[in-house]
Amino acid sequence: MLHAWARQAGFTNITATASTWCYSSEAERAWWGDLWAERVMHSPFAEHVEREGFATEADRQRIADGWRAWAADQDGWLTIPHGEILCRA
């Protein structure tokens, strides 16, 4: 929707691109998996999902365990796409 939103905002000179993050090496998986395992257990995000009833502490522990299991798996791989736009007036 980025391109459409830019046009709706009145831009006519729009360059749309994309990039990705990819976590596949042992070090990358360890960093990303531990980051999210910790966030899901000990962060404002963790407090929010529990307070709003989206996940219990036990649910969050299973999610954290899942991140750590993914990180330890030599076949683990994750890519995150990003849409990007550059708008010129």
Protein backbone atom coordinates (compact mmCIF):
# COMPACT_ATOMS: atom_id res chain seq x y z
CA MET A 1 0.00 0.00 0.00
CA LEU A 2 2.98 2.35 0.30
CA HIS A 3 2.81 3.36 -3.36
CA ALA A 4 -0.95 3.93 -3.20
CA TRP A 5 -0.68 5.94 0.01
CA ALA A 6 2.02 8.12 -1.53
CA ARG A 7 -0.16 8.80 -4.58
CA GLN A 8 -3.14 9.56 -2.32
CA ALA A 9 -0.94 12.05 -0.47
CA GLY A 10 -0.35 13.85 -3.76
CA PHE A 11 3.08 12.57 -4.78
CA THR A 12 3.59 11.89 -8.48
CA ASN A 13 7.33 11.16 -8.54
CA ILE A 14 7.53 7.90 -6.58
CA THR A 15 10.26 5.26 -6.71
CA ALA A 16 9.21 1.94 -5.21
CA THR A 17 11.80 -0.65 -4.19
CA ALA A 18 12.12 -3.63 -1.86
CA SER A 19 14.80 -5.18 0.29
CA THR A 20 14.98 -8.07 2.73
CA TRP A 21 16.60 -9.11 5.96
CA CYS A 22 17.73 -12.73 6.03
CA TYR A 23 18.82 -14.62 9.14
CA SER A 24 20.36 -17.99 8.38
CA SER A 25 23.86 -18.32 9.84
CA GLU A 26 24.35 -19.78 13.30
CA ALA A 27 25.29 -16.37 14.70
CA GLU A 28 22.37 -14.58 13.00
CA ARG A 29 19.86 -17.17 14.21
CA ALA A 30 21.26 -17.06 17.74
CA TRP A 31 21.00 -13.27 17.85
CA TRP A 32 17.51 -12.99 16.31
CA GLY A 33 16.08 -16.01 18.15
CA ASP A 34 17.36 -14.87 21.54
CA LEU A 35 16.23 -11.29 20.87
CA TRP A 36 12.65 -12.43 20.27
CA ALA A 37 12.67 -15.05 23.01
CA GLU A 38 13.64 -12.31 25.48
CA ARG A 39 11.15 -9.80 24.06
CA VAL A 40 8.28 -12.22 24.29
CA MET A 41 9.10 -12.85 27.95
CA HIS A 42 10.54 -9.57 29.31
CA SER A 43 9.49 -6.41 27.50
CA PRO A 44 6.65 -3.93 27.10
CA PHE A 45 5.46 -6.19 24.25
CA ALA A 46 5.25 -9.13 26.68
CA GLU A 47 3.33 -7.05 29.20
CA HIS A 48 0.95 -5.80 26.51
CA VAL A 49 0.04 -9.20 25.05
CA GLU A 50 -0.59 -10.63 28.51
CA ARG A 51 -2.56 -7.60 29.73
CA GLU A 52 -4.75 -7.63 26.60
CA GLY A 53 -5.35 -11.38 26.88
CA PHE A 54 -3.53 -12.35 23.67
CA ALA A 55 -1.12 -14.72 25.43
CA THR A 56 -0.61 -16.09 28.92
CA GLU A 57 2.81 -16.45 30.50
CA ALA A 58 2.73 -20.14 29.54
CA ASP A 59 1.90 -19.19 25.94
CA ARG A 60 4.76 -16.72 25.90
CA GLN A 61 7.13 -19.34 27.29
CA ARG A 62 6.16 -21.75 24.47
CA ILE A 63 6.77 -18.97 21.93
CA ALA A 64 10.17 -18.15 23.48
CA ASP A 65 11.07 -21.84 23.45
CA GLY A 66 10.07 -21.96 19.79
CA TRP A 67 12.38 -19.06 18.93
CA ARG A 68 15.26 -20.74 20.71
CA ALA A 69 14.55 -24.09 19.01
CA TRP A 70 14.48 -22.34 15.62
CA ALA A 71 17.79 -20.60 16.41
CA ALA A 72 19.43 -23.91 17.35
CA ASP A 73 18.27 -25.67 14.17
CA GLN A 74 20.99 -25.62 11.51
CA ASP A 75 18.21 -25.58 8.88
CA GLY A 76 16.64 -22.49 10.46
CA TRP A 77 16.12 -19.61 8.05
CA LEU A 78 14.04 -16.44 8.18
CA THR A 79 13.54 -13.64 5.70
CA ILE A 80 11.67 -10.41 6.30
CA PRO A 81 10.67 -8.38 3.23
CA HIS A 82 10.50 -4.59 3.28
CA GLY A 83 8.61 -2.37 0.88
CA GLU A 84 10.21 1.04 0.39
CA ILE A 85 9.31 4.22 -1.40
CA LEU A 86 11.13 7.43 -2.18
CA CYS A 87 8.80 10.35 -2.86
CA ARG A 88 9.87 13.59 -4.45
CA ALA A 89 7.72 16.69 -4.61
